[in-house]
C-alpha cells in the first residue's frame, strides 16, 4: 500500500481536481460515465479514497 501511495501526486484542497485525477487513474471515460447513477457511485468511491 505504501508503494501505491508514493506513486500518487500530492493531494490538493481542490476536490474536483482530485476527482478528475481519480477518474484518469481508474480509467473512466465519458462513455463509461454516461449514466448519472453510475457517475455518482464512482464519486462515492472517490470520496472514500479521498478521505
N, C-alpha and C. Protein backbone atom coordinates (compact mmCIF):
# COMPACT_ATOMS: atom_id res chain seq x y z
N UNK A 1 0.83 -1.19 0.00
CA UNK A 1 0.00 0.00 0.00
C UNK A 1 0.88 1.26 0.00
N UNK A 2 1.95 1.22 0.78
CA UNK A 2 2.84 2.38 0.87
C UNK A 2 3.42 2.73 -0.51
N UNK A 3 3.77 1.69 -1.29
CA UNK A 3 4.33 1.93 -2.62
C UNK A 3 3.31 2.61 -3.53
N UNK A 4 2.04 2.20 -3.42
CA UNK A 4 0.98 2.80 -4.23
C UNK A 4 0.79 4.27 -3.88
N UNK A 5 0.86 4.60 -2.60
CA UNK A 5 0.69 5.98 -2.16
C UNK A 5 1.80 6.85 -2.71
N UNK A 6 3.00 6.32 -2.76
CA UNK A 6 4.14 7.10 -3.26
C UNK A 6 4.00 7.43 -4.74
N UNK A 7 3.22 6.63 -5.48
CA UNK A 7 3.02 6.88 -6.90
C UNK A 7 2.02 8.00 -7.16
N UNK A 8 1.15 8.28 -6.20
CA UNK A 8 0.11 9.30 -6.38
C UNK A 8 0.69 10.69 -6.23
N UNK A 9 0.11 11.66 -6.97
CA UNK A 9 0.55 13.04 -6.79
C UNK A 9 0.13 13.53 -5.41
N UNK A 10 0.79 14.56 -4.89
CA UNK A 10 0.41 15.08 -3.58
C UNK A 10 -1.04 15.58 -3.61
N UNK A 11 -1.80 15.35 -2.54
CA UNK A 11 -3.20 15.78 -2.51
C UNK A 11 -3.32 17.31 -2.52
N UNK A 12 -4.41 17.78 -3.05
CA UNK A 12 -4.69 19.22 -3.07
C UNK A 12 -6.01 19.46 -2.33
N UNK A 13 -6.34 20.72 -2.13
CA UNK A 13 -7.61 21.07 -1.50
C UNK A 13 -8.75 21.16 -2.51
N UNK A 14 -8.43 21.05 -3.78
CA UNK A 14 -9.44 21.12 -4.84
C UNK A 14 -10.03 19.73 -5.08
N UNK A 15 -11.21 19.49 -4.53
CA UNK A 15 -11.84 18.17 -4.63
C UNK A 15 -12.14 17.80 -6.07
N UNK A 16 -12.59 18.75 -6.86
CA UNK A 16 -12.94 18.42 -8.26
C UNK A 16 -11.70 18.03 -9.05
N UNK A 17 -10.58 18.70 -8.82
CA UNK A 17 -9.33 18.33 -9.50
C UNK A 17 -8.90 16.93 -9.07
N UNK A 18 -9.04 16.64 -7.78
CA UNK A 18 -8.70 15.31 -7.28
C UNK A 18 -9.61 14.26 -7.92
N UNK A 19 -10.89 14.59 -8.08
CA UNK A 19 -11.84 13.66 -8.69
C UNK A 19 -11.47 13.40 -10.15
N UNK A 20 -11.07 14.44 -10.87
CA UNK A 20 -10.67 14.26 -12.27
C UNK A 20 -9.43 13.36 -12.35
N UNK A 21 -8.47 13.55 -11.46
CA UNK A 21 -7.28 12.69 -11.45
C UNK A 21 -7.65 11.26 -11.10
N UNK A 22 -8.59 11.09 -10.19
CA UNK A 22 -9.05 9.75 -9.81
C UNK A 22 -9.68 9.04 -11.01
N UNK A 23 -10.52 9.76 -11.77
CA UNK A 23 -11.15 9.16 -12.95
C UNK A 23 -10.10 8.71 -13.96
N UNK A 24 -9.07 9.51 -14.16
CA UNK A 24 -8.00 9.15 -15.09
C UNK A 24 -7.27 7.90 -14.58
N UNK A 25 -6.93 7.88 -13.27
CA UNK A 25 -6.25 6.73 -12.69
C UNK A 25 -7.05 5.45 -12.82
N UNK A 26 -8.37 5.56 -12.65
CA UNK A 26 -9.23 4.39 -12.67
C UNK A 26 -9.66 4.00 -14.09
N UNK A 27 -9.32 4.83 -15.07
CA UNK A 27 -9.63 4.50 -16.46
C UNK A 27 -11.05 4.82 -16.88
N UNK A 28 -11.72 5.72 -16.17
CA UNK A 28 -13.08 6.11 -16.54
C UNK A 28 -13.02 7.13 -17.66
N UNK A 29 -13.91 6.99 -18.62
CA UNK A 29 -14.02 7.96 -19.70
C UNK A 29 -15.47 8.41 -19.83
N UNK A 30 -15.74 9.32 -20.75
CA UNK A 30 -17.09 9.85 -20.92
C UNK A 30 -18.09 8.76 -21.26
N UNK A 31 -17.69 7.79 -22.03
CA UNK A 31 -18.59 6.70 -22.41
C UNK A 31 -19.04 5.91 -21.19
N UNK A 32 -18.11 5.64 -20.29
CA UNK A 32 -18.44 4.88 -19.08
C UNK A 32 -19.27 5.70 -18.10
N UNK A 33 -19.14 7.02 -18.15
CA UNK A 33 -19.79 7.87 -17.17
C UNK A 33 -21.08 8.51 -17.69
N UNK A 34 -21.70 7.93 -18.71
CA UNK A 34 -22.94 8.50 -19.25
C UNK A 34 -24.07 8.46 -18.23
N UNK A 35 -24.18 7.39 -17.48
CA UNK A 35 -25.25 7.24 -16.50
C UNK A 35 -24.96 8.07 -15.25
N UNK A 36 -25.91 8.89 -14.85
CA UNK A 36 -25.74 9.71 -13.66
C UNK A 36 -25.60 8.83 -12.42
N UNK A 37 -26.37 7.77 -12.34
CA UNK A 37 -26.30 6.87 -11.19
C UNK A 37 -24.92 6.25 -11.09
N UNK A 38 -24.38 5.80 -12.22
CA UNK A 38 -23.03 5.20 -12.23
C UNK A 38 -22.00 6.25 -11.85
N UNK A 39 -22.17 7.45 -12.36
CA UNK A 39 -21.23 8.54 -12.06
C UNK A 39 -21.22 8.84 -10.57
N UNK A 40 -22.37 8.81 -9.94
CA UNK A 40 -22.44 9.08 -8.50
C UNK A 40 -21.78 7.97 -7.70
N UNK A 41 -21.91 6.72 -8.15
CA UNK A 41 -21.25 5.63 -7.44
C UNK A 41 -19.73 5.76 -7.57
N UNK A 42 -19.25 6.22 -8.73
CA UNK A 42 -17.82 6.46 -8.91
C UNK A 42 -17.37 7.58 -7.97
N UNK A 43 -18.18 8.63 -7.85
CA UNK A 43 -17.84 9.75 -6.96
C UNK A 43 -17.84 9.29 -5.50
N UNK A 44 -18.79 8.44 -5.13
CA UNK A 44 -18.82 7.91 -3.76
C UNK A 44 -17.55 7.10 -3.47
N UNK A 45 -17.13 6.28 -4.43
CA UNK A 45 -15.89 5.51 -4.26
C UNK A 45 -14.69 6.45 -4.11
N UNK A 46 -14.69 7.53 -4.90
CA UNK A 46 -13.62 8.51 -4.83
C UNK A 46 -13.57 9.15 -3.44
N UNK A 47 -14.72 9.52 -2.90
CA UNK A 47 -14.74 10.16 -1.59
C UNK A 47 -14.23 9.24 -0.50
N UNK A 48 -14.50 7.95 -0.61
CA UNK A 48 -13.98 7.01 0.37
C UNK A 48 -12.45 7.00 0.32
N UNK A 49 -11.91 6.99 -0.90
CA UNK A 49 -10.45 7.00 -1.04
C UNK A 49 -9.86 8.34 -0.62
N UNK A 50 -10.53 9.43 -0.96
CA UNK A 50 -10.03 10.77 -0.67
C UNK A 50 -9.96 11.04 0.83
N UNK A 51 -10.96 10.54 1.55
CA UNK A 51 -10.98 10.74 3.00
C UNK A 51 -9.98 9.82 3.63
